[in-house]
Protein backbone atom coordinates (compact mmCIF):
# COMPACT_ATOMS: atom_id res chain seq x y z
CA MET A 1 -39.17 114.28 78.37
CA GLU A 2 -38.25 116.00 75.21
CA LYS A 3 -37.96 119.55 76.70
CA ASP A 4 -36.20 120.99 73.56
CA ASN A 5 -39.65 121.08 71.48
CA LYS A 6 -42.95 120.33 74.20
CA SER A 7 -44.79 122.92 76.00
CA LEU A 8 -47.93 122.29 78.68
CA LEU A 9 -50.40 124.48 79.61
CA ILE A 10 -52.77 123.61 82.50
CA LEU A 11 -56.25 124.78 82.33
CA GLY A 12 -58.34 125.10 85.31
CA LYS A 13 -58.37 126.15 88.83
CA GLY A 14 -60.36 124.79 91.83
CA ASP A 15 -62.57 126.48 93.60
CA LYS A 16 -60.99 126.06 96.83
CA GLU A 17 -57.16 124.68 97.60
CA TYR A 18 -58.59 121.50 97.90
CA ASN A 19 -60.39 120.89 94.12
CA ASP A 20 -57.13 122.30 92.53
CA ARG A 21 -54.35 119.69 94.04
CA ASN A 22 -54.10 118.21 91.19
CA ALA A 23 -53.53 120.85 88.23
CA ALA A 24 -50.87 122.76 91.40
CA ARG A 25 -49.53 118.64 91.82
CA LEU A 26 -49.01 118.44 87.90
CA PHE A 27 -48.29 122.37 87.47
CA THR A 28 -45.17 121.88 90.10
CA TYR A 29 -43.95 118.48 88.69
CA ALA A 30 -43.49 120.14 85.68
CA ASN A 31 -41.38 122.88 87.08
CA LYS A 32 -39.44 120.65 88.83
CA VAL A 33 -37.62 119.28 86.16
CA ASP A 34 -37.52 122.77 84.24
CA PHE A 35 -40.10 121.95 81.77
CA ASP A 36 -41.81 125.32 79.91
CA VAL A 37 -45.33 125.04 81.53
CA ILE A 38 -47.95 127.56 82.30
CA LYS A 39 -51.46 127.24 84.88
CA SER A 40 -54.18 129.30 84.13
CA ASP A 41 -57.81 129.87 84.67
CA TYR A 42 -60.34 129.21 81.76
CA SER A 43 -61.16 132.65 82.51
CA GLU A 44 -57.97 133.80 81.77
CA ILE A 45 -56.94 132.09 78.55
CA ASN A 46 -56.73 135.37 76.67
CA LEU A 47 -54.37 136.76 79.16
CA ILE A 48 -51.65 133.70 78.46
CA LYS A 49 -48.03 134.63 77.42
CA GLY A 50 -46.26 132.85 74.54
CA PHE A 51 -44.97 129.59 74.82
CA ARG A 52 -40.73 128.50 74.21
CA ASN A 53 -41.86 125.93 71.93
CA GLU A 54 -44.00 125.24 69.57
CA THR A 55 -45.83 121.87 70.57
CA ILE A 56 -48.23 123.04 73.17
CA TYR A 57 -49.72 120.10 74.97
CA VAL A 58 -53.15 121.08 76.63
CA MET A 59 -54.05 119.41 79.96
CA LEU A 60 -57.38 120.53 80.86
CA PHE A 61 -59.24 120.26 84.59
CA PHE A 62 -62.37 120.31 85.58
CA PRO A 63 -64.23 123.92 85.29
CA TYR A 64 -65.49 124.58 89.52
CA SER A 65 -66.44 127.84 88.90
CA PHE A 66 -68.66 127.49 85.89
CA TRP A 67 -70.38 124.46 87.24
CA ASN A 68 -70.51 125.89 90.01
CA GLU A 69 -72.60 128.71 88.87
CA HIS A 70 -74.34 127.85 85.78
CA CYS A 71 -74.64 123.70 86.46
CA GLU A 72 -74.46 122.59 90.32
CA ILE A 73 -77.88 123.60 91.02
CA PRO A 74 -79.93 123.95 87.66
CA SER A 75 -81.91 127.22 86.59
CA ASP A 76 -84.50 124.85 85.17
CA ASN A 77 -84.87 124.00 88.75
CA LEU A 78 -84.89 119.68 87.68
CA LEU A 79 -83.15 117.66 89.65
CA TYR A 80 -79.45 117.61 90.06
CA GLY A 81 -78.04 115.35 87.00
CA THR A 82 -81.15 115.62 85.02
CA SER A 83 -80.91 118.60 83.12
CA LYS A 84 -79.95 118.10 79.20
CA MET A 85 -79.83 122.04 79.35
CA VAL A 86 -77.32 121.67 81.84
CA TYR A 87 -75.44 119.33 79.83
CA GLU A 88 -75.32 120.98 76.48
CA MET A 89 -73.95 123.98 78.28
CA PHE A 90 -71.54 122.47 79.66
CA ASN A 91 -70.36 120.36 76.66
CA ASN A 92 -70.74 124.15 74.96
CA PHE A 93 -68.21 125.66 77.85
CA PHE A 94 -65.30 123.34 76.53
CA LEU A 95 -66.27 123.50 72.61
CA ASP A 96 -65.74 127.23 73.12
CA VAL A 97 -63.16 126.75 74.85
CA LYS A 98 -61.51 124.72 72.48
CA HIS A 99 -62.29 128.13 69.59
CA GLN A 100 -60.06 130.64 71.72
CA LEU A 101 -57.11 128.31 72.38
CA GLU A 102 -56.93 127.72 68.44
CA GLN A 103 -58.18 131.55 68.15
CA LYS A 104 -55.14 132.38 70.34
CA PHE A 105 -52.29 129.99 69.55
CA SER A 106 -53.49 128.40 66.48
CA ASN A 107 -51.11 130.71 64.41
CA HIS A 108 -47.68 130.04 65.58
CA TYR A 109 -48.28 126.77 67.96
CA GLN A 110 -49.37 123.20 67.63
CA LEU A 111 -52.23 122.00 70.01
CA LYS A 112 -52.31 118.52 71.17
CA TYR A 113 -55.15 117.88 73.91
CA ILE A 114 -54.41 115.00 76.66
CA ILE A 115 -58.28 115.48 77.31
CA ASN A 116 -59.82 116.34 73.92
CA PRO A 117 -62.66 119.28 74.85
CA GLU A 118 -64.58 118.19 71.58
CA THR A 119 -65.38 115.19 74.23
CA ALA A 120 -64.57 116.33 78.06
CA ALA A 121 -67.81 116.60 78.68
CA LEU A 122 -69.05 113.09 77.34
CA ASP A 123 -68.82 111.24 80.16
CA ARG A 124 -71.43 113.01 81.83
CA ASP A 125 -74.01 111.38 80.03
CA LYS A 126 -74.48 107.96 81.23
CA VAL A 127 -76.73 107.15 78.33
CA ALA A 128 -74.64 108.50 75.56
CA THR A 129 -71.24 106.83 77.18
CA LEU A 130 -72.52 103.12 77.60
CA ASN A 131 -74.39 103.38 74.49
CA LEU A 132 -70.98 104.37 72.41
CA LEU A 133 -69.45 101.76 74.67
CA LYS A 134 -71.57 99.21 73.73
CA ALA A 135 -71.33 99.82 70.16
CA ASN A 136 -68.00 98.94 70.19
CA ASN A 137 -68.45 95.77 72.13
CA VAL A 138 -67.23 96.89 75.38
CA PRO A 139 -69.36 95.36 78.56
CA THR A 140 -71.22 97.47 80.46
CA THR A 141 -74.04 97.48 83.20
CA ASP A 142 -76.98 95.92 82.15
CA ILE A 143 -80.06 98.68 81.36
CA ILE A 144 -83.77 98.57 81.97
CA THR A 145 -85.33 100.56 79.58
CA SER A 146 -89.23 100.44 81.50
CA ARG A 147 -90.33 103.61 83.48
CA ASN A 148 -92.92 101.97 84.55
CA LEU A 149 -92.77 101.35 88.21
CA ILE A 150 -94.31 98.20 88.38
CA ASP A 151 -92.24 96.89 86.20
CA LEU A 152 -89.01 97.87 87.53
CA LEU A 153 -89.97 96.45 90.99
CA ASN A 154 -90.87 93.19 89.16
CA ASP A 155 -87.39 93.02 88.13
CA ILE A 156 -85.93 93.33 92.22
CA THR A 157 -84.80 89.85 93.42
CA PRO A 158 -84.20 88.73 97.45
CA GLU A 159 -80.18 88.81 96.07
CA LYS A 160 -80.48 91.99 93.47
CA GLY A 161 -81.98 95.61 93.33
CA ILE A 162 -81.89 98.16 91.04
CA PHE A 163 -80.12 101.61 90.67
CA ILE A 164 -81.77 104.74 89.21
CA LYS A 165 -79.18 107.45 88.47
CA CYS A 166 -79.17 110.73 87.19
CA ARG A 167 -78.25 110.75 83.33
CA TYR A 168 -75.55 113.73 83.27
CA GLY A 169 -74.27 113.61 87.10
CA ALA A 170 -70.91 112.04 88.95
CA GLU A 171 -69.58 112.43 92.49
CA GLY A 172 -72.01 109.95 93.42
CA LYS A 173 -74.85 112.46 93.31
CA GLY A 174 -78.02 111.73 92.47
CA ILE A 175 -78.06 108.02 92.99
CA THR A 176 -81.55 105.76 94.48
CA LEU A 177 -80.85 102.11 95.06
CA LEU A 178 -84.49 99.35 95.58
CA LYS A 179 -83.72 96.28 97.01
CA HIS A 180 -85.90 93.67 97.80
CA ASN A 181 -86.74 95.34 101.21
CA LYS A 182 -85.71 99.25 101.01
CA TRP A 183 -85.33 101.78 98.97
CA VAL A 184 -82.57 104.88 99.58
CA THR A 185 -81.64 107.94 97.92
CA ASN A 186 -79.18 110.25 98.04
CA TYR A 187 -81.59 113.10 97.07
CA LYS A 188 -82.41 115.34 99.64
CA VAL A 189 -86.46 114.73 100.74
CA LYS A 190 -88.27 117.96 101.66
CA ASN A 191 -91.78 118.47 102.95
CA ILE A 192 -93.96 121.50 101.23
CA ALA A 193 -97.11 122.23 102.24
CA GLY A 194 -97.68 118.60 103.19
CA ASN A 195 -96.53 117.26 100.38
CA ALA A 196 -93.12 115.41 99.70
CA TYR A 197 -90.59 116.00 97.00
CA LEU A 198 -87.02 115.32 95.86
CA VAL A 199 -84.85 118.31 95.98
CA ASN A 200 -80.68 119.04 95.62
CA TYR A 201 -78.55 119.38 98.20
CA GLY A 202 -76.59 122.62 97.70
CA VAL A 203 -73.09 122.91 96.00
CA TYR A 204 -70.65 122.08 98.66
CA ASP A 205 -73.32 119.85 101.11
CA LYS A 206 -73.23 116.14 101.73
CA TRP A 207 -75.14 113.93 100.08
CA ILE A 208 -76.93 111.88 102.55
CA PHE A 209 -78.46 108.28 101.76
CA SER A 210 -82.42 108.94 103.14
CA ASP A 211 -84.36 106.10 103.24
CA ILE A 212 -87.93 106.30 101.25
CA THR A 213 -88.71 102.79 101.23
CA GLU A 214 -92.11 102.00 99.99
CA ARG A 215 -92.52 105.93 99.04
CA VAL A 216 -93.88 105.95 95.50
CA ASP A 217 -95.14 109.36 94.73
CA LEU A 218 -91.15 109.86 95.21
CA LEU A 219 -90.12 107.13 92.95
CA GLU A 220 -92.72 108.19 90.42
CA GLN A 221 -91.21 112.41 90.89
CA LEU A 222 -87.62 110.65 89.77
CA LEU A 223 -88.85 108.57 87.02
CA ASP A 224 -90.34 111.05 85.35
CA GLN A 225 -86.98 113.17 85.16
CA GLU A 226 -83.93 111.96 82.97
CA VAL A 227 -82.62 108.97 84.76
CA ILE A 228 -80.41 105.96 83.47
CA VAL A 229 -82.19 102.97 85.68
CA GLU A 230 -79.14 99.40 85.52
CA LYS A 231 -79.62 96.12 87.14
CA GLU A 232 -77.29 96.02 90.41
CA ILE A 233 -73.53 94.56 90.33
CA ILE A 234 -72.48 91.88 93.21
CA SER A 235 -69.68 91.87 93.84
CA PRO A 236 -67.65 88.17 93.73
CA ASP A 237 -67.08 86.98 97.69
CA ILE A 238 -62.81 88.10 97.40
CA PHE A 239 -62.93 90.64 100.28
CA PRO A 240 -65.97 89.36 103.12
CA ASN A 241 -69.00 90.75 103.53
CA GLU A 242 -67.76 93.53 101.36
CA LYS A 243 -67.88 94.83 98.23
CA PHE A 244 -65.44 96.99 95.39
CA ASP A 245 -64.56 98.56 92.45
CA ILE A 246 -61.71 99.72 90.19
CA ARG A 247 -60.70 102.48 88.89
CA ALA A 248 -58.01 101.97 86.52
CA TYR A 249 -56.71 105.33 84.72
CA SER A 250 -56.36 104.31 81.42
CA ILE A 251 -53.40 106.86 79.48
CA ASP A 252 -52.40 106.18 75.61
CA GLY A 253 -53.85 102.78 75.80
CA LYS A 254 -51.83 101.68 78.91
CA VAL A 255 -52.76 101.48 82.57
CA PRO A 256 -50.11 102.46 84.82
CA HIS A 257 -51.81 102.20 87.96
CA PHE A 258 -55.51 100.94 89.12
CA PHE A 259 -56.92 100.99 92.79
CA ALA A 260 -59.90 98.72 94.47
CA ARG A 261 -62.52 100.94 96.17
CA ILE A 262 -63.75 98.72 99.04
CA ASN A 263 -67.12 99.54 101.02
CA ASN A 264 -69.37 97.76 103.63
CA LYS A 265 -71.56 95.53 101.29
CA ASN A 266 -74.61 97.31 103.05
CA ASN A 267 -73.62 100.31 101.77
CA VAL A 268 -74.87 101.98 98.74
CA VAL A 269 -71.89 102.45 96.73
CA THR A 270 -68.28 101.97 96.69
CA ASN A 271 -67.63 105.82 96.51
CA PHE A 272 -65.51 107.89 98.65
CA SER A 273 -68.19 109.65 100.47
CA GLN A 274 -69.42 106.06 102.57
CA GLY A 275 -66.29 105.77 103.32
CA ALA A 276 -64.32 103.43 100.88
CA ARG A 277 -60.60 102.33 102.08
CA ILE A 278 -58.79 102.13 99.21
CA MET A 279 -56.04 99.51 98.14
CA HIS A 280 -53.30 100.38 95.37
CA SER A 281 -52.16 98.14 93.00
CA PRO A 282 -50.17 95.84 92.95
CA HIS A 283 -51.17 94.73 96.73
CA ILE A 284 -54.83 94.87 96.16
CA GLY A 285 -55.68 90.89 96.88
CA LEU A 286 -57.04 90.60 93.30
CA SER A 287 -55.84 87.49 91.52
CA ARG A 288 -54.14 87.49 87.78
CA GLU A 289 -57.06 86.85 86.57
CA TYR A 290 -59.25 89.36 87.83
CA ILE A 291 -56.65 92.16 87.13
CA ASP A 292 -55.78 91.05 83.73
CA ALA A 293 -59.72 91.38 82.84
CA ALA A 294 -59.91 94.53 84.25
CA MET A 295 -57.02 96.14 82.46
CA ASP A 296 -57.75 95.03 79.28
CA ILE A 297 -61.34 96.04 79.57
CA ALA A 298 -60.33 99.39 80.55
CA VAL A 299 -58.17 99.77 77.44
CA LYS A 300 -61.23 98.72 74.97
CA ALA A 301 -63.14 101.16 77.05
CA SER A 302 -61.01 103.96 76.63
CA ASN A 303 -60.30 103.40 72.89
CA ALA A 304 -63.94 103.32 72.61
CA LEU A 305 -64.38 106.55 73.67
CA LYS A 306 -61.31 108.05 72.21
CA SER A 307 -59.95 108.99 74.99
CA THR A 308 -56.06 110.00 76.05
CA PHE A 309 -56.52 110.28 79.79
CA ILE A 310 -59.58 108.41 81.63
CA GLY A 311 -60.51 107.24 84.86
CA ILE A 312 -62.63 103.35 84.31
CA ASP A 313 -64.85 102.28 87.06
CA LEU A 314 -65.06 98.74 86.85
CA MET A 315 -67.57 95.78 88.56
CA PHE A 316 -66.91 91.72 88.55
CA ASP A 317 -70.60 90.84 88.18
CA GLY A 318 -70.09 87.63 90.11
CA SER A 319 -66.96 86.31 88.25
CA PRO A 320 -63.85 87.79 86.34
CA ASP A 321 -65.48 86.80 83.16
CA LYS A 322 -67.88 89.35 84.39
CA ILE A 323 -66.41 92.07 84.12
CA LYS A 324 -68.42 95.61 83.19
CA VAL A 325 -67.87 98.96 83.17
CA VAL A 326 -70.24 100.96 85.51
CA GLU A 327 -68.86 104.78 84.64
CA ALA A 328 -66.25 106.43 82.77
CA GLN A 329 -64.34 109.91 84.49
CA THR A 330 -62.82 112.07 82.61
CA PHE A 331 -61.77 114.27 85.57
CA THR A 332 -60.65 111.80 87.21
CA ASP A 333 -58.89 112.24 90.60
CA PHE A 334 -55.02 111.98 90.78
CA PRO A 335 -54.01 108.91 93.07
CA ASP A 336 -52.77 109.02 96.41
CA ILE A 337 -48.98 110.51 95.43
CA ARG A 338 -47.39 107.66 97.97
CA TYR A 339 -48.53 104.97 95.59
CA PHE A 340 -48.85 106.11 92.15
CA ASP A 341 -47.32 109.54 90.88
CA LEU A 342 -49.47 110.66 88.37
CA ALA A 343 -48.02 113.75 87.81
CA LYS A 344 -44.19 112.58 86.86
CA TYR A 345 -46.17 110.06 84.50
CA LEU A 346 -47.46 112.20 82.41
CA ILE A 347 -44.33 114.38 81.88
CA THR A 348 -41.94 111.82 81.44
CA ASP A 349 -43.85 108.27 80.54
CA SER A 350 -46.71 109.72 78.65
CA PHE A 351 -48.17 112.27 76.23
CA ALA A 352 -44.45 114.00 76.25
CA LYS A 353 -43.75 110.67 74.13
CA GLN A 354 -46.21 110.50 71.86
CA ASN A 355 -47.53 112.02 68.93
CA SER A 356 -50.93 110.95 68.09
CA LEU A 357 -52.92 113.51 70.22
CA GLN A 358 -55.41 115.66 68.50
């Protein structure tokens, strides 16, 4: 990395040590190679001192304090991930961050964003994200537009169910799966005055799936919210009795690393929260045909979203020629350092070597 003309600003601190580990890893590696770096929280922008170099690369991390206080449990009392007000608040937070940074630094420095504040919140709107991908000919999940319960139930077959996901959520929260003979949700079911309601778990609670089979009343509550309905994707039978998805790290138009999350086919999702096991590239158990297809679509997706750094989640719907983007993750977790040192890659091989960041 050219240490003589570039600096790095890491913004965002976790609400606990575990949630700060990725920013801390990047900061530690930058210091290790004597790179000019400052790590600060969003609330401390005005306290940041000057940098040695004219160009400042800005790496944003998830704003846990802001999210926990203003967004995790919406003040409008809507279900998690269904509040447009919360999404707009989150989006405006990053626009304000950009304004603060430019006010403080633009007269003396050139700012280059690894994650652009103007699009940092985009992946939290699943509808907007998938629409943008579709507009750029990137294959995505099959969306069902109807909110009529009878229509939705008619879309369920013995082989393939449907997912109802909160529009503005992440981390595997706010998911409901309707199968041919079983309905489950990881919203909390709460009885109030003899009536059942879907409600949110707390900020640090686990989101546990509950059986709501034939609970039409609960589904009608859910469909009144901002949700997205998708047909289930059935993984090809590569891992016996298991399903899987791919998390690809798309950075500067390349995929330097990816891994598969593999889980029992009877579990609802492939997320870590349901005990998925991880297999890192290149030892992942997939043929070259599957890997090449995944990498190609991951790069196309990141280009469509105008993202320099992003995690793309993909699934194969039965075969390698039917790969689909399920979600995008702007604030993606860093992979296990034993398999890929993302901090090192960013410092030595990525944004420091290119000049196209906005």
